[in-house]
Amino acid sequence: MQAPAPAPALKPEPEPEPPPPPALWYGGQTLGVDFGAVVLLIVGGALAASSSNTSAGDALLAIGSTTYVLGPPIVHVTHGRPSVAAGDLGLRLGAPLAGVLAGGFFGLLLGAGGGSDDAAGIAVIVGGIAGTAFAVAIDAAVFAREPKPAPVAMAHPPPFALSIAPTLLMVRGDREQGLTPVPGVVGTF
Protein backbone atom coordinates (compact mmCIF):
# COMPACT_ATOMS: atom_id res chain seq x y z
CA MET A 1 0.00 0.00 0.00
CA GLN A 2 1.37 3.32 -1.04
CA ALA A 3 1.04 6.58 0.80
CA PRO A 4 -1.18 9.14 -0.95
CA ALA A 5 0.68 11.66 -3.06
CA PRO A 6 1.04 15.05 -1.38
CA ALA A 7 -1.26 17.76 -2.67
CA PRO A 8 0.47 20.23 -4.97
CA ALA A 9 1.45 23.42 -3.23
CA LEU A 10 -0.81 26.32 -4.10
CA LYS A 11 0.94 29.28 -5.57
CA PRO A 12 -0.32 32.61 -4.37
CA GLU A 13 -2.13 34.50 -7.11
CA PRO A 14 -0.42 37.66 -8.21
CA GLU A 15 -2.19 40.83 -7.16
CA PRO A 16 -4.28 42.32 -9.95
CA GLU A 17 -3.14 45.51 -11.58
CA PRO A 18 -4.81 48.53 -10.06
CA PRO A 19 -7.28 50.27 -12.36
CA PRO A 20 -6.02 53.36 -14.13
CA PRO A 21 -6.65 56.56 -12.23
CA PRO A 22 -9.72 58.50 -13.31
CA ALA A 23 -9.24 61.43 -15.63
CA LEU A 24 -9.62 64.98 -14.37
CA TRP A 25 -12.30 66.88 -16.31
CA TYR A 26 -11.67 70.52 -17.14
CA GLY A 27 -14.44 70.86 -19.71
CA GLY A 28 -16.06 73.59 -17.64
CA GLN A 29 -13.18 75.84 -18.65
CA THR A 30 -13.63 75.16 -22.36
CA LEU A 31 -17.41 75.55 -22.04
CA GLY A 32 -16.90 78.89 -20.29
CA VAL A 33 -14.75 80.15 -23.14
CA ASP A 34 -17.30 78.87 -25.67
CA PHE A 35 -20.13 80.59 -23.77
CA GLY A 36 -18.22 83.87 -23.97
CA ALA A 37 -17.68 83.36 -27.70
CA VAL A 38 -21.38 82.70 -28.25
CA VAL A 39 -22.35 85.84 -26.34
CA LEU A 40 -19.93 87.90 -28.43
CA LEU A 41 -21.29 86.36 -31.64
CA ILE A 42 -24.92 87.00 -30.70
CA VAL A 43 -24.32 90.60 -29.63
CA GLY A 44 -22.07 91.20 -32.64
CA GLY A 45 -24.65 89.73 -35.00
CA ALA A 46 -27.39 91.89 -33.52
CA LEU A 47 -25.27 95.02 -33.83
CA ALA A 48 -24.15 94.15 -37.35
CA ALA A 49 -27.77 93.59 -38.40
CA SER A 50 -28.82 96.96 -37.05
CA SER A 51 -28.11 99.93 -39.23
CA SER A 52 -26.81 102.06 -36.37
CA ASN A 53 -23.59 100.34 -35.30
CA THR A 54 -22.30 97.88 -37.90
CA SER A 55 -18.58 98.47 -37.25
CA ALA A 56 -18.91 97.51 -33.57
CA GLY A 57 -20.96 94.49 -34.58
CA ASP A 58 -18.36 93.40 -37.10
CA ALA A 59 -15.62 93.78 -34.49
CA LEU A 60 -17.55 91.68 -31.95
CA LEU A 61 -18.22 89.03 -34.60
CA ALA A 62 -14.48 88.83 -35.35
CA ILE A 63 -13.57 88.65 -31.66
CA GLY A 64 -16.25 86.03 -30.99
CA SER A 65 -15.13 83.88 -33.92
CA THR A 66 -11.49 84.10 -32.86
CA THR A 67 -12.44 83.22 -29.29
CA TYR A 68 -14.40 80.17 -30.49
CA VAL A 69 -11.54 78.92 -32.68
CA LEU A 70 -8.51 79.68 -30.46
CA GLY A 71 -9.82 79.98 -26.89
CA PRO A 72 -10.41 76.32 -25.95
CA PRO A 73 -7.21 75.12 -27.68
CA ILE A 74 -5.34 77.64 -25.51
CA VAL A 75 -7.04 76.07 -22.47
CA HIS A 76 -5.68 72.67 -23.57
CA VAL A 77 -2.18 74.12 -23.96
CA THR A 78 -2.33 75.55 -20.43
CA HIS A 79 -3.11 72.03 -19.21
CA GLY A 80 0.08 70.80 -20.90
CA ARG A 81 -1.72 69.07 -23.78
CA PRO A 82 -0.54 70.68 -27.05
CA SER A 83 -1.45 67.67 -29.21
CA VAL A 84 -5.03 67.78 -27.90
CA ALA A 85 -5.06 71.52 -28.62
CA ALA A 86 -4.04 70.85 -32.23
CA GLY A 87 -6.78 68.24 -32.62
CA ASP A 88 -9.31 70.59 -31.05
CA LEU A 89 -8.29 73.37 -33.44
CA GLY A 90 -8.87 71.03 -36.39
CA LEU A 91 -12.23 69.97 -34.99
CA ARG A 92 -13.30 73.58 -34.39
CA LEU A 93 -12.48 74.50 -37.98
CA GLY A 94 -13.62 71.28 -39.66
CA ALA A 95 -16.92 70.50 -37.93
CA PRO A 96 -18.62 73.83 -38.73
CA LEU A 97 -17.33 73.64 -42.29
CA ALA A 98 -18.73 70.12 -42.65
CA GLY A 99 -22.02 71.35 -41.20
CA VAL A 100 -22.16 74.23 -43.68
CA LEU A 101 -21.42 71.87 -46.57
CA ALA A 102 -24.08 69.40 -45.41
CA GLY A 103 -26.55 72.25 -44.97
CA GLY A 104 -25.70 73.52 -48.43
CA PHE A 105 -26.26 70.07 -49.89
CA PHE A 106 -29.66 69.80 -48.23
CA GLY A 107 -30.39 73.37 -49.27
CA LEU A 108 -29.71 72.43 -52.90
CA LEU A 109 -32.04 69.48 -52.56
CA LEU A 110 -34.70 71.80 -51.15
CA GLY A 111 -34.11 74.30 -53.95
CA ALA A 112 -34.26 71.61 -56.63
CA GLY A 113 -37.67 70.60 -55.34
CA GLY A 114 -39.02 74.08 -55.94
CA GLY A 115 -38.09 75.42 -52.49
CA SER A 116 -37.08 79.00 -51.96
CA ASP A 117 -33.59 80.41 -51.67
CA ASP A 118 -34.43 81.34 -48.07
CA ALA A 119 -34.80 77.66 -47.18
CA ALA A 120 -31.41 76.90 -48.70
CA GLY A 121 -29.79 79.76 -46.76
CA ILE A 122 -31.42 78.61 -43.53
CA ALA A 123 -30.18 75.06 -44.16
CA VAL A 124 -26.60 76.37 -44.50
CA ILE A 125 -26.90 78.37 -41.25
CA VAL A 126 -28.43 75.43 -39.37
CA GLY A 127 -25.67 73.14 -40.65
CA GLY A 128 -22.98 75.58 -39.48
CA ILE A 129 -24.58 75.90 -36.05
CA ALA A 130 -24.93 72.10 -35.76
CA GLY A 131 -21.26 71.61 -36.69
CA THR A 132 -20.21 74.23 -34.15
CA ALA A 133 -22.34 72.65 -31.41
CA PHE A 134 -20.85 69.24 -32.27
CA ALA A 135 -17.30 70.60 -31.92
CA VAL A 136 -18.09 72.24 -28.57
CA ALA A 137 -19.69 69.05 -27.23
CA ILE A 138 -16.85 66.75 -28.32
CA ASP A 139 -14.28 69.15 -26.93
CA ALA A 140 -15.91 69.36 -23.50
CA ALA A 141 -16.91 65.69 -23.24
CA VAL A 142 -13.89 63.95 -24.79
CA PHE A 143 -10.89 66.25 -25.23
CA ALA A 144 -11.05 68.08 -21.89
CA ARG A 145 -9.96 65.13 -19.77
CA GLU A 146 -6.55 65.28 -18.19
CA PRO A 147 -5.11 61.97 -16.99
CA LYS A 148 -4.77 61.95 -13.22
CA PRO A 149 -1.21 61.17 -12.15
CA ALA A 150 -0.82 57.91 -10.29
CA PRO A 151 0.14 58.30 -6.64
CA VAL A 152 3.75 57.56 -5.89
CA ALA A 153 4.13 54.86 -3.28
CA MET A 154 7.26 54.68 -1.18
CA ALA A 155 8.98 51.29 -1.27
CA HIS A 156 10.06 51.55 2.35
CA PRO A 157 8.44 54.18 4.51
CA PRO A 158 10.80 55.90 6.90
CA PRO A 159 10.81 54.49 10.42
CA PHE A 160 9.81 57.87 11.75
CA ALA A 161 9.15 61.35 10.47
CA LEU A 162 10.56 64.48 11.98
CA SER A 163 9.44 68.00 11.30
CA ILE A 164 10.88 71.16 12.75
CA ALA A 165 9.47 74.65 12.35
CA PRO A 166 10.60 78.03 13.67
CA THR A 167 8.18 80.00 15.83
CA LEU A 168 7.92 83.52 17.10
CA LEU A 169 5.85 84.09 20.21
CA MET A 170 4.79 87.50 21.40
CA VAL A 171 4.99 87.51 25.20
CA ARG A 172 3.50 90.25 27.31
CA GLY A 173 6.11 91.71 29.63
CA ASP A 174 5.55 94.30 32.28
CA ARG A 175 3.47 97.39 31.47
CA GLU A 176 6.39 99.54 30.26
CA GLN A 177 7.84 96.98 27.84
CA GLY A 178 4.59 95.83 26.14
CA LEU A 179 4.94 92.75 23.93
CA THR A 180 8.32 91.05 23.60
CA PRO A 181 9.13 88.69 20.69
CA VAL A 182 10.51 85.31 21.78
CA PRO A 183 11.95 83.10 19.02
CA GLY A 184 11.66 79.34 19.33
CA VAL A 185 11.55 76.01 17.58
CA VAL A 186 8.81 73.37 17.62
CA GLY A 187 9.10 69.85 16.38
CA THR A 188 7.07 66.69 15.92
CA PHE A 189 8.15 63.12 15.46
C-alpha atoms as a PDB file:
ATOM      1  CA  MET A   1       0.000   0.000   0.000  1.00  0.00           C
ATOM      2  CA  GLN A   2       1.370   3.317  -1.038  1.00  0.00           C
ATOM      3  CA  ALA A   3       1.036   6.582   0.802  1.00  0.00           C
ATOM      4  CA  PRO A   4      -1.177   9.141  -0.949  1.00  0.00           C
ATOM      5  CA  ALA A   5       0.682  11.661  -3.059  1.00  0.00           C
ATOM      6  CA  PRO A   6       1.045  15.052  -1.376  1.00  0.00           C
ATOM      7  CA  ALA A   7      -1.260  17.762  -2.675  1.00  0.00           C
ATOM      8  CA  PRO A   8       0.470  20.228  -4.966  1.00  0.00           C
ATOM      9  CA  ALA A   9       1.450  23.422  -3.231  1.00  0.00           C
ATOM     10  CA  LEU A  10      -0.809  26.323  -4.097  1.00  0.00           C
ATOM     11  CA  LYS A  11       0.945  29.283  -5.571  1.00  0.00           C
ATOM     12  CA  PRO A  12      -0.323  32.610  -4.374  1.00  0.00           C
ATOM     13  CA  GLU A  13      -2.126  34.498  -7.111  1.00  0.00           C
ATOM     14  CA  PRO A  14      -0.420  37.662  -8.207  1.00  0.00           C
ATOM     15  CA  GLU A  15      -2.193  40.827  -7.161  1.00  0.00           C
ATOM     16  CA  PRO A  16      -4.279  42.319  -9.949  1.00  0.00           C
ATOM     17  CA  GLU A  17      -3.142  45.512 -11.576  1.00  0.00           C
ATOM     18  CA  PRO A  18      -4.811  48.532 -10.058  1.00  0.00           C
ATOM     19  CA  PRO A  19      -7.279  50.274 -12.357  1.00  0.00           C
ATOM     20  CA  PRO A  20      -6.016  53.361 -14.131  1.00  0.00           C
ATOM     21  CA  PRO A  21      -6.650  56.558 -12.227  1.00  0.00           C
ATOM     22  CA  PRO A  22      -9.719  58.503 -13.312  1.00  0.00           C
ATOM     23  CA  ALA A  23      -9.241  61.428 -15.626  1.00  0.00           C
ATOM     24  CA  LEU A  24      -9.619  64.976 -14.373  1.00  0.00           C
ATOM     25  CA  TRP A  25     -12.295  66.884 -16.306  1.00  0.00           C
ATOM     26  CA  TYR A  26     -11.671  70.519 -17.139  1.00  0.00           C
ATOM     27  CA  GLY A  27     -14.438  70.856 -19.707  1.00  0.00           C
ATOM     28  CA  GLY A  28     -16.061  73.589 -17.639  1.00  0.00           C
ATOM     29  CA  GLN A  29     -13.184  75.842 -18.646  1.00  0.00           C
ATOM     30  CA  THR A  30     -13.635  75.165 -22.361  1.00  0.00           C
ATOM     31  CA  LEU A  31     -17.409  75.549 -22.040  1.00  0.00           C
ATOM     32  CA  GLY A  32     -16.900  78.892 -20.289  1.00  0.00           C
ATOM     33  CA  VAL A  33     -14.749  80.154 -23.145  1.00  0.00           C
ATOM     34  CA  ASP A  34     -17.303  78.873 -25.667  1.00  0.00           C
ATOM     35  CA  PHE A  35     -20.125  80.588 -23.774  1.00  0.00           C
ATOM     36  CA  GLY A  36     -18.223  83.873 -23.968  1.00  0.00           C
ATOM     37  CA  ALA A  37     -17.677  83.362 -27.700  1.00  0.00           C
ATOM     38  CA  VAL A  38     -21.385  82.696 -28.254  1.00  0.00           C
ATOM     39  CA  VAL A  39     -22.355  85.842 -26.338  1.00  0.00           C
ATOM     40  CA  LEU A  40     -19.927  87.897 -28.431  1.00  0.00           C
ATOM     41  CA  LEU A  41     -21.290  86.359 -31.636  1.00  0.00           C
ATOM     42  CA  ILE A  42     -24.923  86.998 -30.700  1.00  0.00           C
ATOM     43  CA  VAL A  43     -24.317  90.605 -29.627  1.00  0.00           C
ATOM     44  CA  GLY A  44     -22.071  91.204 -32.640  1.00  0.00           C
ATOM     45  CA  GLY A  45     -24.646  89.725 -34.997  1.00  0.00           C
ATOM     46  CA  ALA A  46     -27.393  91.886 -33.521  1.00  0.00           C
ATOM     47  CA  LEU A  47     -25.270  95.020 -33.831  1.00  0.00           C
ATOM     48  CA  ALA A  48     -24.153  94.154 -37.352  1.00  0.00           C
ATOM     49  CA  ALA A  49     -27.769  93.587 -38.400  1.00  0.00           C
ATOM     50  CA  SER A  50     -28.824  96.964 -37.051  1.00  0.00           C
ATOM     51  CA  SER A  51     -28.113  99.932 -39.227  1.00  0.00           C
ATOM     52  CA  SER A  52     -26.809 102.058 -36.370  1.00  0.00           C
ATOM     53  CA  ASN A  53     -23.591 100.338 -35.301  1.00  0.00           C
ATOM     54  CA  THR A  54     -22.303  97.881 -37.899  1.00  0.00           C
ATOM     55  CA  SER A  55     -18.579  98.468 -37.247  1.00  0.00           C
ATOM     56  CA  ALA A  56     -18.910  97.514 -33.568  1.00  0.00           C
ATOM     57  CA  GLY A  57     -20.964  94.485 -34.577  1.00  0.00           C
ATOM     58  CA  ASP A  58     -18.360  93.397 -37.104  1.00  0.00           C
ATOM     59  CA  ALA A  59     -15.623  93.778 -34.490  1.00  0.00           C
ATOM     60  CA  LEU A  60     -17.549  91.676 -31.953  1.00  0.00           C
ATOM     61  CA  LEU A  61     -18.220  89.030 -34.602  1.00  0.00           C
ATOM     62  CA  ALA A  62     -14.481  88.834 -35.349  1.00  0.00           C
ATOM     63  CA  ILE A  63     -13.569  88.648 -31.659  1.00  0.00           C
ATOM     64  CA  GLY A  64     -16.252  86.026 -30.993  1.00  0.00           C
ATOM     65  CA  SER A  65     -15.130  83.879 -33.922  1.00  0.00           C
ATOM     66  CA  THR A  66     -11.494  84.102 -32.864  1.00  0.00           C
ATOM     67  CA  THR A  67     -12.437  83.215 -29.289  1.00  0.00           C
ATOM     68  CA  TYR A  68     -14.402  80.175 -30.492  1.00  0.00           C
ATOM     69  CA  VAL A  69     -11.539  78.917 -32.679  1.00  0.00           C
ATOM     70  CA  LEU A  70      -8.513  79.685 -30.457  1.00  0.00           C
ATOM     71  CA  GLY A  71      -9.824  79.984 -26.886  1.00  0.00           C
ATOM     72  CA  PRO A  72     -10.408  76.317 -25.947  1.00  0.00           C
ATOM     73  CA  PRO A  73      -7.211  75.116 -27.682  1.00  0.00           C
ATOM     74  CA  ILE A  74      -5.339  77.640 -25.513  1.00  0.00           C
ATOM     75  CA  VAL A  75      -7.037  76.068 -22.467  1.00  0.00           C
ATOM     76  CA  HIS A  76      -5.685  72.666 -23.569  1.00  0.00           C
ATOM     77  CA  VAL A  77      -2.175  74.116 -23.959  1.00  0.00           C
ATOM     78  CA  THR A  78      -2.333  75.552 -20.432  1.00  0.00           C
ATOM     79  CA  HIS A  79      -3.110  72.030 -19.213  1.00  0.00           C
ATOM     80  CA  GLY A  80       0.080  70.801 -20.902  1.00  0.00           C
ATOM     81  CA  ARG A  81      -1.721  69.066 -23.782  1.00  0.00           C
ATOM     82  CA  PRO A  82      -0.539  70.681 -27.047  1.00  0.00           C
ATOM     83  CA  SER A  83      -1.448  67.671 -29.209  1.00  0.00           C
ATOM     84  CA  VAL A  84      -5.033  67.776 -27.898  1.00  0.00           C
ATOM     85  CA  ALA A  85      -5.059  71.516 -28.619  1.00  0.00           C
ATOM     86  CA  ALA A  86      -4.043  70.848 -32.230  1.00  0.00           C
ATOM     87  CA  GLY A  87      -6.778  68.243 -32.618  1.00  0.00           C
ATOM     88  CA  ASP A  88      -9.306  70.591 -31.051  1.00  0.00           C
ATOM     89  CA  LEU A  89      -8.292  73.372 -33.439  1.00  0.00           C
ATOM     90  CA  GLY A  90      -8.866  71.034 -36.393  1.00  0.00           C
ATOM     91  CA  LEU A  91     -12.231  69.974 -34.989  1.00  0.00           C
ATOM     92  CA  ARG A  92     -13.295  73.584 -34.394  1.00  0.00           C
ATOM     93  CA  LEU A  93     -12.478  74.503 -37.985  1.00  0.00           C
ATOM     94  CA  GLY A  94     -13.622  71.283 -39.664  1.00  0.00           C
ATOM     95  CA  ALA A  95     -16.922  70.498 -37.934  1.00  0.00           C
ATOM     96  CA  PRO A  96     -18.624  73.827 -38.731  1.00  0.00           C
ATOM     97  CA  LEU A  97     -17.334  73.636 -42.294  1.00  0.00           C
ATOM     98  CA  ALA A  98     -18.726  70.118 -42.650  1.00  0.00           C
ATOM     99  CA  GLY A  99     -22.023  71.355 -41.204  1.00  0.00           C
ATOM    100  CA  VAL A 100     -22.163  74.234 -43.682  1.00  0.00           C
ATOM    101  CA  LEU A 101     -21.424  71.869 -46.573  1.00  0.00           C
ATOM    102  CA  ALA A 102     -24.077  69.399 -45.409  1.00  0.00           C
ATOM    103  CA  GLY A 103     -26.548  72.246 -44.971  1.00  0.00           C
ATOM    104  CA  GLY A 104     -25.701  73.522 -48.432  1.00  0.00           C
ATOM    105  CA  PHE A 105     -26.262  70.070 -49.889  1.00  0.00           C
ATOM    106  CA  PHE A 106     -29.663  69.799 -48.234  1.00  0.00           C
ATOM    107  CA  GLY A 107     -30.392  73.373 -49.268  1.00  0.00           C
ATOM    108  CA  LEU A 108     -29.710  72.431 -52.899  1.00  0.00           C
ATOM    109  CA  LEU A 109     -32.041  69.484 -52.555  1.00  0.00           C
ATOM    110  CA  LEU A 110     -34.698  71.800 -51.152  1.00  0.00           C
ATOM    111  CA  GLY A 111     -34.111  74.302 -53.945  1.00  0.00           C
ATOM    112  CA  ALA A 112     -34.255  71.609 -56.631  1.00  0.00           C
ATOM    113  CA  GLY A 113     -37.668  70.602 -55.343  1.00  0.00           C
ATOM    114  CA  GLY A 114     -39.018  74.083 -55.945  1.00  0.00           C
ATOM    115  CA  GLY A 115     -38.087  75.419 -52.488  1.00  0.00           C
ATOM    116  CA  SER A 116     -37.076  79.004 -51.960  1.00  0.00           C
ATOM    117  CA  ASP A 117     -33.593  80.413 -51.669  1.00  0.00           C
ATOM    118  CA  ASP A 118     -34.426  81.337 -48.073  1.00  0.00           C
ATOM    119  CA  ALA A 119     -34.805  77.658 -47.183  1.00  0.00           C
ATOM    120  CA  ALA A 120     -31.406  76.903 -48.701  1.00  0.00           C
ATOM    121  CA  GLY A 121     -29.793  79.755 -46.756  1.00  0.00           C
ATOM    122  CA  ILE A 122     -31.419  78.615 -43.530  1.00  0.00           C
ATOM    123  CA  ALA A 123     -30.175  75.056 -44.158  1.00  0.00           C
ATOM    124  CA  VAL A 124     -26.600  76.371 -44.496  1.00  0.00           C
ATOM    125  CA  ILE A 125     -26.896  78.366 -41.245  1.00  0.00           C
ATOM    126  CA  VAL A 126     -28.433  75.431 -39.367  1.00  0.00           C
ATOM    127  CA  GLY A 127     -25.665  73.144 -40.652  1.00  0.00           C
ATOM    128  CA  GLY A 128     -22.978  75.579 -39.476  1.00  0.00           C
ATOM    129  CA  ILE A 129     -24.583  75.897 -36.046  1.00  0.00           C
ATOM    130  CA  ALA A 130     -24.927  72.102 -35.757  1.00  0.00           C
ATOM    131  CA  GLY A 131     -21.257  71.610 -36.691  1.00  0.00           C
ATOM    132  CA  THR A 132     -20.212  74.232 -34.150  1.00  0.00           C
ATOM    133  CA  ALA A 133     -22.336  72.653 -31.414  1.00  0.00           C
ATOM    134  CA  PHE A 134     -20.850  69.244 -32.271  1.00  0.00           C
ATOM    135  CA  ALA A 135     -17.295  70.601 -31.924  1.00  0.00           C
ATOM    136  CA  VAL A 136     -18.090  72.239 -28.569  1.00  0.00           C
ATOM    137  CA  ALA A 137     -19.693  69.047 -27.225  1.00  0.00           C
ATOM    138  CA  ILE A 138     -16.851  66.749 -28.325  1.00  0.00           C
ATOM    139  CA  ASP A 139     -14.276  69.153 -26.927  1.00  0.00           C
ATOM    140  CA  ALA A 140     -15.912  69.356 -23.499  1.00  0.00           C
ATOM    141  CA  ALA A 141     -16.909  65.690 -23.244  1.00  0.00           C
ATOM    142  CA  VAL A 142     -13.891  63.955 -24.787  1.00  0.00           C
ATOM    143  CA  PHE A 143     -10.893  66.249 -25.230  1.00  0.00           C
ATOM    144  CA  ALA A 144     -11.046  68.081 -21.891  1.00  0.00           C
ATOM    145  CA  ARG A 145      -9.960  65.130 -19.766  1.00  0.00           C
ATOM    146  CA  GLU A 146      -6.552  65.283 -18.190  1.00  0.00           C
ATOM    147  CA  PRO A 147      -5.105  61.973 -16.990  1.00  0.00           C
ATOM    148  CA  LYS A 148      -4.773  61.950 -13.224  1.00  0.00           C
ATOM    149  CA  PRO A 149      -1.205  61.170 -12.151  1.00  0.00           C
ATOM    150  CA  ALA A 150      -0.825  57.911 -10.287  1.00  0.00           C
ATOM    151  CA  PRO A 151       0.139  58.298  -6.645  1.00  0.00           C
ATOM    152  CA  VAL A 152       3.749  57.561  -5.893  1.00  0.00           C
ATOM    153  CA  ALA A 153       4.127  54.864  -3.276  1.00  0.00           C
ATOM    154  CA  MET A 154       7.259  54.676  -1.183  1.00  0.00           C
ATOM    155  CA  ALA A 155       8.976  51.293  -1.270  1.00  0.00           C
ATOM    156  CA  HIS A 156      10.064  51.551   2.353  1.00  0.00           C
ATOM    157  CA  PRO A 157       8.437  54.182   4.506  1.00  0.00           C
ATOM    158  CA  PRO A 158      10.800  55.904   6.901  1.00  0.00           C
ATOM    159  CA  PRO A 159      10.811  54.491  10.424  1.00  0.00           C
ATOM    160  CA  PHE A 160       9.805  57.870  11.755  1.00  0.00           C
ATOM    161  CA  ALA A 161       9.148  61.348  10.474  1.00  0.00           C
ATOM    162  CA  LEU A 162      10.563  64.481  11.977  1.00  0.00           C
ATOM    163  CA  SER A 163       9.440  68.003  11.301  1.00  0.00           C
ATOM    164  CA  ILE A 164      10.885  71.158  12.750  1.00  0.00           C
ATOM    165  CA  ALA A 165       9.473  74.650  12.353  1.00  0.00           C
ATOM    166  CA  PRO A 166      10.597  78.031  13.669  1.00  0.00           C
ATOM    167  CA  THR A 167       8.181  80.002  15.834  1.00  0.00           C
ATOM    168  CA  LEU A 168       7.921  83.525  17.096  1.00  0.00           C
ATOM    169  CA  LEU A 169       5.853  84.089  20.209  1.00  0.00           C
ATOM    170  CA  MET A 170       4.795  87.496  21.396  1.00  0.00           C
ATOM    171  CA  VAL A 171       4.991  87.508  25.202  1.00  0.00           C
ATOM    172  CA  ARG A 172       3.501  90.251  27.310  1.00  0.00           C
ATOM    173  CA  GLY A 173       6.108  91.710  29.626  1.00  0.00           C
ATOM    174  CA  ASP A 174       5.554  94.303  32.276  1.00  0.00           C
ATOM    175  CA  ARG A 175       3.468  97.387  31.469  1.00  0.00           C
ATOM    176  CA  GLU A 176       6.387  99.541  30.256  1.00  0.00           C
ATOM    177  CA  GLN A 177       7.839  96.977  27.839  1.00  0.00           C
ATOM    178  CA  GLY A 178       4.589  95.832  26.144  1.00  0.00           C
ATOM    179  CA  LEU A 179       4.939  92.750  23.931  1.00  0.00           C
ATOM    180  CA  THR A 180       8.325  91.054  23.605  1.00  0.00           C
ATOM    181  CA  PRO A 181       9.129  88.692  20.691  1.00  0.00           C
ATOM    182  CA  VAL A 182      10.507  85.310  21.781  1.00  0.00           C
ATOM    183  CA  PRO A 183      11.950  83.099  19.023  1.00  0.00           C
ATOM    184  CA  GLY A 184      11.657  79.342  19.332  1.00  0.00           C
ATOM    185  CA  VAL A 185      11.547  76.011  17.575  1.00  0.00           C
ATOM    186  CA  VAL A 186       8.809  73.374  17.622  1.00  0.00           C
ATOM    187  CA  GLY A 187       9.095  69.851  16.383  1.00  0.00           C
ATOM    188  CA  THR A 188       7.070  66.691  15.920  1.00  0.00           C
ATOM    189  CA  PHE A 189       8.154  63.120  15.463  1.00  0.00           C
END
